[in-house]
C-alpha cells in the first residue's frame, strides 16, 4: 500500500474512532490507546469495527479474528483458563505488530488484550483487510481475495 493510501486509511480510521467515541479528531492519534487515552469500553470495540466495516466496505467477522489468531494451534497451546500460553502470546505478537512489543507479558490474560489496542491496530487491520489478509503473516482466506 502506498504511503498516501496508508495516510488516507489512517485518517479515515481516526475519524471513525473519534465519531464512535464522541471525541474530537485531534484527540485521536494513531498512537492513542483506545481504553487508556480515549475512554473506550469493550462494547465500543464492536461499534468501531462495525463502523470501520461500513466505512471501508469490508467484513471482519469476530470469529475470523479468533480463528486466524489460533491458527492450527491446539486450544491449550493458545490459552488455558483464560491465560495466554507462550505459543499463543508469540502468535499474537506476530499477527498484531502494531502493539508495542514491551506491552506483552508472560501470564497475560486473554481479556487484557483490548487494553493494548491503539488506533494503529485498527489501521493495520483495515490496511491488511484491504490487501486481502486480516493479520500480518497470515495467508489471505479465499473469501478475502479482491474480485
N, C-alpha and C. Protein backbone atom coordinates (compact mmCIF):
# COMPACT_ATOMS: atom_id res chain seq x y z
N UNK A 1 0.85 -1.17 0.00
CA UNK A 1 0.00 0.00 0.00
C UNK A 1 0.90 1.24 0.00
N UNK A 2 0.56 2.21 -0.83
CA UNK A 2 1.39 3.41 -0.93
C UNK A 2 1.27 4.23 0.35
N UNK A 3 2.25 5.11 0.54
CA UNK A 3 2.24 5.94 1.74
C UNK A 3 1.01 6.83 1.77
N UNK A 4 0.62 7.37 0.61
CA UNK A 4 -0.57 8.22 0.52
C UNK A 4 -1.82 7.43 0.89
N UNK A 5 -1.94 6.21 0.35
CA UNK A 5 -3.11 5.38 0.66
C UNK A 5 -3.13 5.03 2.14
N UNK A 6 -1.95 4.76 2.70
CA UNK A 6 -1.85 4.43 4.12
C UNK A 6 -2.25 5.63 4.98
N UNK A 7 -1.82 6.82 4.58
CA UNK A 7 -2.19 8.04 5.31
C UNK A 7 -3.69 8.25 5.26
N UNK A 8 -4.29 8.01 4.09
CA UNK A 8 -5.73 8.15 3.92
C UNK A 8 -6.47 7.16 4.81
N UNK A 9 -6.02 5.92 4.85
CA UNK A 9 -6.65 4.90 5.70
C UNK A 9 -6.55 5.33 7.16
N UNK A 10 -5.38 5.78 7.58
CA UNK A 10 -5.18 6.20 8.98
C UNK A 10 -6.13 7.34 9.33
N UNK A 11 -6.27 8.32 8.46
CA UNK A 11 -7.15 9.45 8.74
C UNK A 11 -8.60 8.99 8.83
N UNK A 12 -9.01 8.14 7.91
CA UNK A 12 -10.39 7.64 7.93
C UNK A 12 -10.66 6.81 9.18
N UNK A 13 -9.69 5.99 9.60
CA UNK A 13 -9.85 5.20 10.83
C UNK A 13 -9.94 6.13 12.02
N UNK A 14 -9.07 7.13 12.08
CA UNK A 14 -9.11 8.10 13.18
C UNK A 14 -10.47 8.79 13.25
N UNK A 15 -11.02 9.17 12.11
CA UNK A 15 -12.33 9.83 12.07
C UNK A 15 -13.43 8.91 12.59
N UNK A 16 -13.39 7.65 12.16
CA UNK A 16 -14.40 6.68 12.61
C UNK A 16 -14.32 6.50 14.13
N UNK A 17 -13.11 6.36 14.64
CA UNK A 17 -12.94 6.17 16.09
C UNK A 17 -13.37 7.41 16.86
N UNK A 18 -13.01 8.58 16.37
CA UNK A 18 -13.42 9.82 17.04
C UNK A 18 -14.94 9.92 17.09
N UNK A 19 -15.59 9.62 15.98
CA UNK A 19 -17.05 9.67 15.91
C UNK A 19 -17.67 8.64 16.85
N UNK A 20 -17.14 7.43 16.84
CA UNK A 20 -17.68 6.36 17.67
C UNK A 20 -17.56 6.67 19.16
N UNK A 21 -16.43 7.28 19.54
CA UNK A 21 -16.18 7.55 20.96
C UNK A 21 -16.58 8.96 21.38
N UNK A 22 -17.14 9.72 20.44
CA UNK A 22 -17.58 11.09 20.72
C UNK A 22 -16.44 11.96 21.27
N UNK A 23 -15.30 11.89 20.59
CA UNK A 23 -14.17 12.74 20.95
C UNK A 23 -13.76 13.53 19.71
N UNK A 24 -13.00 14.59 19.92
CA UNK A 24 -12.52 15.40 18.81
C UNK A 24 -11.45 14.65 18.03
N UNK A 25 -11.41 14.84 16.72
CA UNK A 25 -10.44 14.17 15.88
C UNK A 25 -9.01 14.45 16.32
N UNK A 26 -8.73 15.68 16.75
CA UNK A 26 -7.35 16.00 17.15
C UNK A 26 -6.93 15.29 18.44
N UNK A 27 -7.86 14.67 19.15
CA UNK A 27 -7.53 13.88 20.34
C UNK A 27 -7.14 12.45 19.97
N UNK A 28 -7.38 12.07 18.70
CA UNK A 28 -7.17 10.71 18.25
C UNK A 28 -5.95 10.65 17.34
N UNK A 29 -4.83 10.14 17.87
CA UNK A 29 -3.65 9.92 17.04
C UNK A 29 -3.52 8.42 16.80
N UNK A 30 -2.68 8.04 15.86
CA UNK A 30 -2.51 6.60 15.62
C UNK A 30 -1.93 5.90 16.85
N UNK A 31 -1.27 6.65 17.72
CA UNK A 31 -0.68 6.06 18.92
C UNK A 31 -1.62 6.06 20.13
N UNK A 32 -2.80 6.64 19.98
CA UNK A 32 -3.74 6.70 21.10
C UNK A 32 -4.20 5.30 21.49
N UNK A 33 -4.16 5.01 22.78
CA UNK A 33 -4.68 3.76 23.30
C UNK A 33 -6.19 3.95 23.47
N UNK A 34 -6.97 3.02 22.91
CA UNK A 34 -8.42 3.21 22.92
C UNK A 34 -9.02 3.29 24.32
N UNK A 35 -8.53 2.46 25.22
CA UNK A 35 -9.10 2.45 26.57
C UNK A 35 -8.48 3.54 27.45
N UNK A 36 -7.16 3.56 27.54
CA UNK A 36 -6.49 4.49 28.45
C UNK A 36 -6.54 5.95 28.01
N UNK A 37 -6.40 6.19 26.71
CA UNK A 37 -6.35 7.57 26.22
C UNK A 37 -7.71 8.10 25.77
N UNK A 38 -8.54 7.23 25.21
CA UNK A 38 -9.79 7.69 24.59
C UNK A 38 -11.04 7.26 25.35
N UNK A 39 -10.87 6.49 26.42
CA UNK A 39 -12.01 6.12 27.27
C UNK A 39 -12.94 5.07 26.69
N UNK A 40 -12.46 4.29 25.74
CA UNK A 40 -13.31 3.25 25.15
C UNK A 40 -13.62 2.16 26.18
N UNK A 41 -14.77 1.55 26.01
CA UNK A 41 -15.16 0.39 26.80
C UNK A 41 -15.29 -0.78 25.83
N UNK A 42 -15.40 -1.99 26.36
CA UNK A 42 -15.40 -3.17 25.49
C UNK A 42 -16.49 -3.10 24.42
N UNK A 43 -17.66 -2.59 24.75
CA UNK A 43 -18.75 -2.51 23.78
C UNK A 43 -18.39 -1.57 22.63
N UNK A 44 -17.53 -0.58 22.90
CA UNK A 44 -17.12 0.36 21.86
C UNK A 44 -16.32 -0.32 20.76
N UNK A 45 -15.60 -1.37 21.09
CA UNK A 45 -14.80 -2.08 20.09
C UNK A 45 -15.71 -2.66 19.00
N UNK A 46 -16.86 -3.18 19.40
CA UNK A 46 -17.82 -3.72 18.42
C UNK A 46 -18.36 -2.62 17.53
N UNK A 47 -18.70 -1.49 18.13
CA UNK A 47 -19.21 -0.35 17.36
C UNK A 47 -18.14 0.16 16.38
N UNK A 48 -16.91 0.25 16.85
CA UNK A 48 -15.82 0.72 15.98
C UNK A 48 -15.64 -0.23 14.81
N UNK A 49 -15.61 -1.53 15.08
CA UNK A 49 -15.44 -2.50 13.98
C UNK A 49 -16.61 -2.41 13.00
N UNK A 50 -17.83 -2.27 13.51
CA UNK A 50 -18.99 -2.15 12.64
C UNK A 50 -18.85 -0.92 11.75
N UNK A 51 -18.47 0.19 12.34
CA UNK A 51 -18.32 1.44 11.58
C UNK A 51 -17.17 1.34 10.56
N UNK A 52 -16.08 0.69 10.94
CA UNK A 52 -14.95 0.52 10.02
C UNK A 52 -15.34 -0.38 8.85
N UNK A 53 -16.09 -1.43 9.14
CA UNK A 53 -16.56 -2.31 8.06
C UNK A 53 -17.39 -1.52 7.06
N UNK A 54 -18.25 -0.66 7.57
CA UNK A 54 -19.12 0.15 6.72
C UNK A 54 -18.29 1.19 5.95
N UNK A 55 -17.38 1.86 6.62
CA UNK A 55 -16.55 2.90 6.01
C UNK A 55 -15.69 2.35 4.87
N UNK A 56 -15.12 1.17 5.07
CA UNK A 56 -14.18 0.61 4.10
C UNK A 56 -14.78 -0.51 3.25
N UNK A 57 -16.06 -0.81 3.47
CA UNK A 57 -16.75 -1.86 2.73
C UNK A 57 -16.00 -3.19 2.80
N UNK A 58 -15.67 -3.57 4.03
CA UNK A 58 -15.01 -4.85 4.30
C UNK A 58 -15.77 -5.57 5.40
N UNK A 59 -15.52 -6.85 5.56
CA UNK A 59 -16.09 -7.62 6.65
C UNK A 59 -14.95 -8.17 7.50
N UNK A 60 -15.05 -7.98 8.81
CA UNK A 60 -14.06 -8.52 9.75
C UNK A 60 -14.84 -9.27 10.83
N UNK A 61 -15.33 -10.47 10.50
CA UNK A 61 -16.11 -11.22 11.49
C UNK A 61 -15.26 -11.53 12.72
N UNK A 62 -15.86 -11.38 13.89
CA UNK A 62 -15.15 -11.63 15.14
C UNK A 62 -14.60 -13.05 15.18
N UNK A 63 -15.34 -14.01 14.67
CA UNK A 63 -14.86 -15.40 14.67
C UNK A 63 -13.64 -15.56 13.76
N UNK A 64 -13.56 -14.77 12.69
CA UNK A 64 -12.42 -14.83 11.79
C UNK A 64 -11.15 -14.38 12.53
N UNK A 65 -11.28 -13.36 13.33
CA UNK A 65 -10.14 -12.87 14.10
C UNK A 65 -9.63 -13.97 15.02
N UNK A 66 -10.54 -14.57 15.76
CA UNK A 66 -10.15 -15.64 16.69
C UNK A 66 -9.59 -16.85 15.94
N UNK A 67 -10.23 -17.22 14.83
CA UNK A 67 -9.79 -18.39 14.06
C UNK A 67 -8.37 -18.17 13.52
N UNK A 68 -8.10 -16.99 12.97
CA UNK A 68 -6.77 -16.74 12.43
C UNK A 68 -5.74 -16.62 13.54
N UNK A 69 -6.14 -16.07 14.68
CA UNK A 69 -5.20 -15.94 15.79
C UNK A 69 -4.80 -17.32 16.33
N UNK A 70 -5.76 -18.21 16.43
CA UNK A 70 -5.47 -19.55 16.93
C UNK A 70 -4.79 -20.43 15.88
N UNK A 71 -5.08 -20.17 14.60
CA UNK A 71 -4.48 -20.95 13.53
C UNK A 71 -4.71 -22.43 13.74
N UNK A 72 -3.67 -23.25 13.52
CA UNK A 72 -3.81 -24.70 13.70
C UNK A 72 -3.30 -25.15 15.07
N UNK A 73 -3.16 -24.18 15.97
CA UNK A 73 -2.67 -24.45 17.32
C UNK A 73 -3.72 -25.21 18.14
N UNK A 74 -3.27 -26.10 18.99
CA UNK A 74 -4.18 -26.76 19.92
C UNK A 74 -4.70 -25.70 20.90
N UNK A 75 -5.97 -25.79 21.31
CA UNK A 75 -6.53 -24.77 22.21
C UNK A 75 -5.66 -24.51 23.44
N UNK A 76 -5.13 -25.58 24.06
CA UNK A 76 -4.33 -25.40 25.28
C UNK A 76 -2.97 -24.77 25.00
N UNK A 77 -2.54 -24.77 23.72
CA UNK A 77 -1.29 -24.09 23.37
C UNK A 77 -1.51 -22.59 23.20
N UNK A 78 -2.75 -22.20 22.89
CA UNK A 78 -3.08 -20.79 22.70
C UNK A 78 -3.38 -20.12 24.04
N UNK A 79 -4.34 -20.68 24.75
CA UNK A 79 -4.69 -20.16 26.08
C UNK A 79 -5.23 -21.27 26.94
N UNK A 80 -5.00 -21.12 28.23
CA UNK A 80 -5.51 -22.11 29.18
C UNK A 80 -6.09 -21.34 30.35
N UNK A 81 -7.35 -21.65 30.67
CA UNK A 81 -8.06 -20.95 31.75
C UNK A 81 -7.99 -19.44 31.60
N UNK A 82 -8.06 -18.97 30.35
CA UNK A 82 -8.07 -17.54 30.08
C UNK A 82 -6.70 -16.88 30.05
N UNK A 83 -5.65 -17.65 30.29
CA UNK A 83 -4.28 -17.11 30.31
C UNK A 83 -3.59 -17.49 29.00
N UNK A 84 -3.05 -16.48 28.32
CA UNK A 84 -2.32 -16.75 27.08
C UNK A 84 -1.10 -17.60 27.39
N UNK A 85 -0.92 -18.63 26.61
CA UNK A 85 0.23 -19.51 26.75
C UNK A 85 1.37 -18.97 25.87
N UNK A 86 2.61 -19.37 26.13
CA UNK A 86 3.74 -18.82 25.37
C UNK A 86 3.55 -18.87 23.85
N UNK A 87 3.03 -19.98 23.32
CA UNK A 87 2.81 -20.07 21.87
C UNK A 87 1.73 -19.10 21.41
N UNK A 88 0.69 -18.96 22.20
CA UNK A 88 -0.39 -18.03 21.86
C UNK A 88 0.09 -16.60 21.90
N UNK A 89 0.88 -16.28 22.90
CA UNK A 89 1.44 -14.93 23.03
C UNK A 89 2.35 -14.63 21.84
N UNK A 90 3.20 -15.57 21.47
CA UNK A 90 4.10 -15.39 20.33
C UNK A 90 3.30 -15.18 19.05
N UNK A 91 2.22 -15.95 18.89
CA UNK A 91 1.38 -15.84 17.69
C UNK A 91 0.73 -14.46 17.62
N UNK A 92 0.20 -13.97 18.72
CA UNK A 92 -0.44 -12.66 18.71
C UNK A 92 0.57 -11.55 18.45
N UNK A 93 1.76 -11.65 19.00
CA UNK A 93 2.81 -10.65 18.74
C UNK A 93 3.10 -10.58 17.24
N UNK A 94 3.13 -11.73 16.60
CA UNK A 94 3.41 -11.82 15.17
C UNK A 94 2.26 -11.25 14.35
N UNK A 95 1.04 -11.56 14.74
CA UNK A 95 -0.13 -11.17 13.97
C UNK A 95 -0.55 -9.72 14.15
N UNK A 96 -0.21 -9.12 15.28
CA UNK A 96 -0.61 -7.74 15.55
C UNK A 96 0.65 -6.92 15.86
N UNK A 97 1.46 -6.66 14.84
CA UNK A 97 2.74 -5.98 15.07
C UNK A 97 2.60 -4.54 15.55
N UNK A 98 1.40 -3.97 15.44
CA UNK A 98 1.20 -2.58 15.88
C UNK A 98 1.22 -2.44 17.40
N UNK A 99 1.04 -3.54 18.11
CA UNK A 99 1.07 -3.47 19.58
C UNK A 99 2.52 -3.40 20.02
N UNK A 100 2.81 -2.45 20.87
CA UNK A 100 4.17 -2.26 21.40
C UNK A 100 4.68 -3.58 21.97
N UNK A 101 5.82 -4.07 21.47
CA UNK A 101 6.34 -5.35 21.95
C UNK A 101 6.58 -5.40 23.46
N UNK A 102 6.83 -4.26 24.08
CA UNK A 102 7.06 -4.23 25.53
C UNK A 102 5.76 -4.33 26.33
N UNK A 103 4.61 -4.19 25.65
CA UNK A 103 3.32 -4.26 26.35
C UNK A 103 2.91 -5.70 26.66
N UNK A 104 3.44 -6.65 25.88
CA UNK A 104 3.10 -8.05 26.10
C UNK A 104 3.84 -8.56 27.33
N UNK A 105 3.21 -9.47 28.06
CA UNK A 105 3.89 -10.07 29.20
C UNK A 105 3.43 -11.51 29.39
N UNK A 106 4.35 -12.31 29.88
CA UNK A 106 4.04 -13.71 30.16
C UNK A 106 2.95 -13.77 31.23
N UNK A 107 2.03 -14.72 31.10
CA UNK A 107 0.95 -14.87 32.07
C UNK A 107 -0.19 -13.90 31.88
N UNK A 108 -0.20 -13.23 30.75
CA UNK A 108 -1.23 -12.23 30.46
C UNK A 108 -2.57 -12.92 30.19
N UNK A 109 -3.63 -12.38 30.74
CA UNK A 109 -4.97 -12.92 30.49
C UNK A 109 -5.46 -12.46 29.12
N UNK A 110 -6.16 -13.33 28.43
CA UNK A 110 -6.70 -13.01 27.11
C UNK A 110 -7.61 -11.78 27.18
N UNK A 111 -8.34 -11.64 28.29
CA UNK A 111 -9.25 -10.50 28.45
C UNK A 111 -8.51 -9.16 28.55
N UNK A 112 -7.20 -9.19 28.79
CA UNK A 112 -6.41 -7.97 28.87
C UNK A 112 -6.01 -7.43 27.50
N UNK A 113 -6.18 -8.23 26.47
CA UNK A 113 -5.74 -7.85 25.13
C UNK A 113 -6.32 -6.51 24.65
N UNK A 114 -7.62 -6.25 24.81
CA UNK A 114 -8.14 -4.97 24.32
C UNK A 114 -7.44 -3.74 24.93
N UNK A 115 -6.92 -3.86 26.13
CA UNK A 115 -6.23 -2.73 26.77
C UNK A 115 -4.94 -2.36 26.03
N UNK A 116 -4.45 -3.24 25.16
CA UNK A 116 -3.24 -2.96 24.39
C UNK A 116 -3.53 -2.30 23.05
N UNK A 117 -4.80 -2.24 22.66
CA UNK A 117 -5.16 -1.75 21.34
C UNK A 117 -5.04 -0.25 21.23
N UNK A 118 -4.30 0.15 20.20
CA UNK A 118 -4.18 1.56 19.84
C UNK A 118 -4.92 1.76 18.52
N UNK A 119 -5.05 3.00 18.11
CA UNK A 119 -5.65 3.30 16.82
C UNK A 119 -4.86 2.59 15.71
N UNK A 120 -3.54 2.52 15.86
CA UNK A 120 -2.69 1.87 14.87
C UNK A 120 -3.07 0.41 14.64
N UNK A 121 -3.58 -0.28 15.66
CA UNK A 121 -4.01 -1.67 15.50
C UNK A 121 -5.16 -1.72 14.49
N UNK A 122 -6.11 -0.82 14.62
CA UNK A 122 -7.25 -0.80 13.70
C UNK A 122 -6.82 -0.36 12.30
N UNK A 123 -5.89 0.58 12.22
CA UNK A 123 -5.36 0.98 10.91
C UNK A 123 -4.72 -0.23 10.24
N UNK A 124 -3.91 -0.98 10.99
CA UNK A 124 -3.26 -2.17 10.44
C UNK A 124 -4.25 -3.22 9.99
N UNK A 125 -5.28 -3.47 10.80
CA UNK A 125 -6.30 -4.46 10.44
C UNK A 125 -6.98 -4.06 9.14
N UNK A 126 -7.35 -2.79 9.02
CA UNK A 126 -8.03 -2.33 7.80
C UNK A 126 -7.09 -2.38 6.60
N UNK A 127 -5.86 -1.94 6.76
CA UNK A 127 -4.91 -2.00 5.64
C UNK A 127 -4.70 -3.43 5.17
N UNK A 128 -4.54 -4.34 6.10
CA UNK A 128 -4.34 -5.74 5.73
C UNK A 128 -5.61 -6.33 5.11
N UNK A 129 -6.76 -5.98 5.67
CA UNK A 129 -8.02 -6.49 5.12
C UNK A 129 -8.20 -5.99 3.69
N UNK A 130 -7.89 -4.74 3.43
CA UNK A 130 -7.99 -4.19 2.08
C UNK A 130 -7.01 -4.88 1.13
N UNK A 131 -5.88 -5.34 1.68
CA UNK A 131 -4.87 -6.04 0.88
C UNK A 131 -5.18 -7.53 0.74
N UNK A 132 -6.17 -8.02 1.49
CA UNK A 132 -6.60 -9.41 1.34
C UNK A 132 -6.28 -10.33 2.49
N UNK A 133 -5.64 -9.84 3.57
CA UNK A 133 -5.34 -10.69 4.73
C UNK A 133 -5.66 -9.90 5.99
N UNK A 134 -6.21 -10.56 6.97
CA UNK A 134 -6.58 -9.89 8.21
C UNK A 134 -5.37 -9.58 9.08
N UNK A 135 -4.43 -10.52 9.15
CA UNK A 135 -3.29 -10.34 10.03
C UNK A 135 -1.99 -10.41 9.25
N UNK A 136 -0.99 -9.75 9.77
CA UNK A 136 0.36 -9.86 9.20
C UNK A 136 0.78 -11.32 9.31
N UNK A 137 1.40 -11.83 8.27
CA UNK A 137 1.90 -13.19 8.32
C UNK A 137 0.84 -14.25 8.13
N UNK A 138 -0.40 -13.86 7.92
CA UNK A 138 -1.47 -14.83 7.71
C UNK A 138 -1.82 -14.84 6.23
N UNK A 139 -2.02 -16.02 5.70
CA UNK A 139 -2.41 -16.13 4.30
C UNK A 139 -3.83 -15.61 4.14
N UNK A 140 -4.12 -14.95 3.02
CA UNK A 140 -5.49 -14.49 2.81
C UNK A 140 -6.44 -15.67 2.70
N UNK A 141 -7.58 -15.53 3.30
CA UNK A 141 -8.61 -16.56 3.17
C UNK A 141 -9.22 -16.42 1.77
N UNK A 142 -9.66 -17.51 1.15
CA UNK A 142 -10.19 -17.42 -0.22
C UNK A 142 -11.29 -16.36 -0.37
N UNK A 143 -12.17 -16.23 0.61
CA UNK A 143 -13.25 -15.25 0.51
C UNK A 143 -12.75 -13.82 0.66
N UNK A 144 -11.48 -13.63 1.11
CA UNK A 144 -10.94 -12.28 1.30
C UNK A 144 -10.33 -11.70 0.04
N UNK A 145 -10.09 -12.52 -0.97
CA UNK A 145 -9.40 -12.04 -2.17
C UNK A 145 -10.27 -11.03 -2.89
N UNK A 146 -9.63 -9.99 -3.39
CA UNK A 146 -10.36 -8.94 -4.11
C UNK A 146 -10.91 -9.51 -5.40
N UNK A 147 -12.10 -9.04 -5.77
CA UNK A 147 -12.68 -9.55 -7.01
C UNK A 147 -12.33 -8.66 -8.18
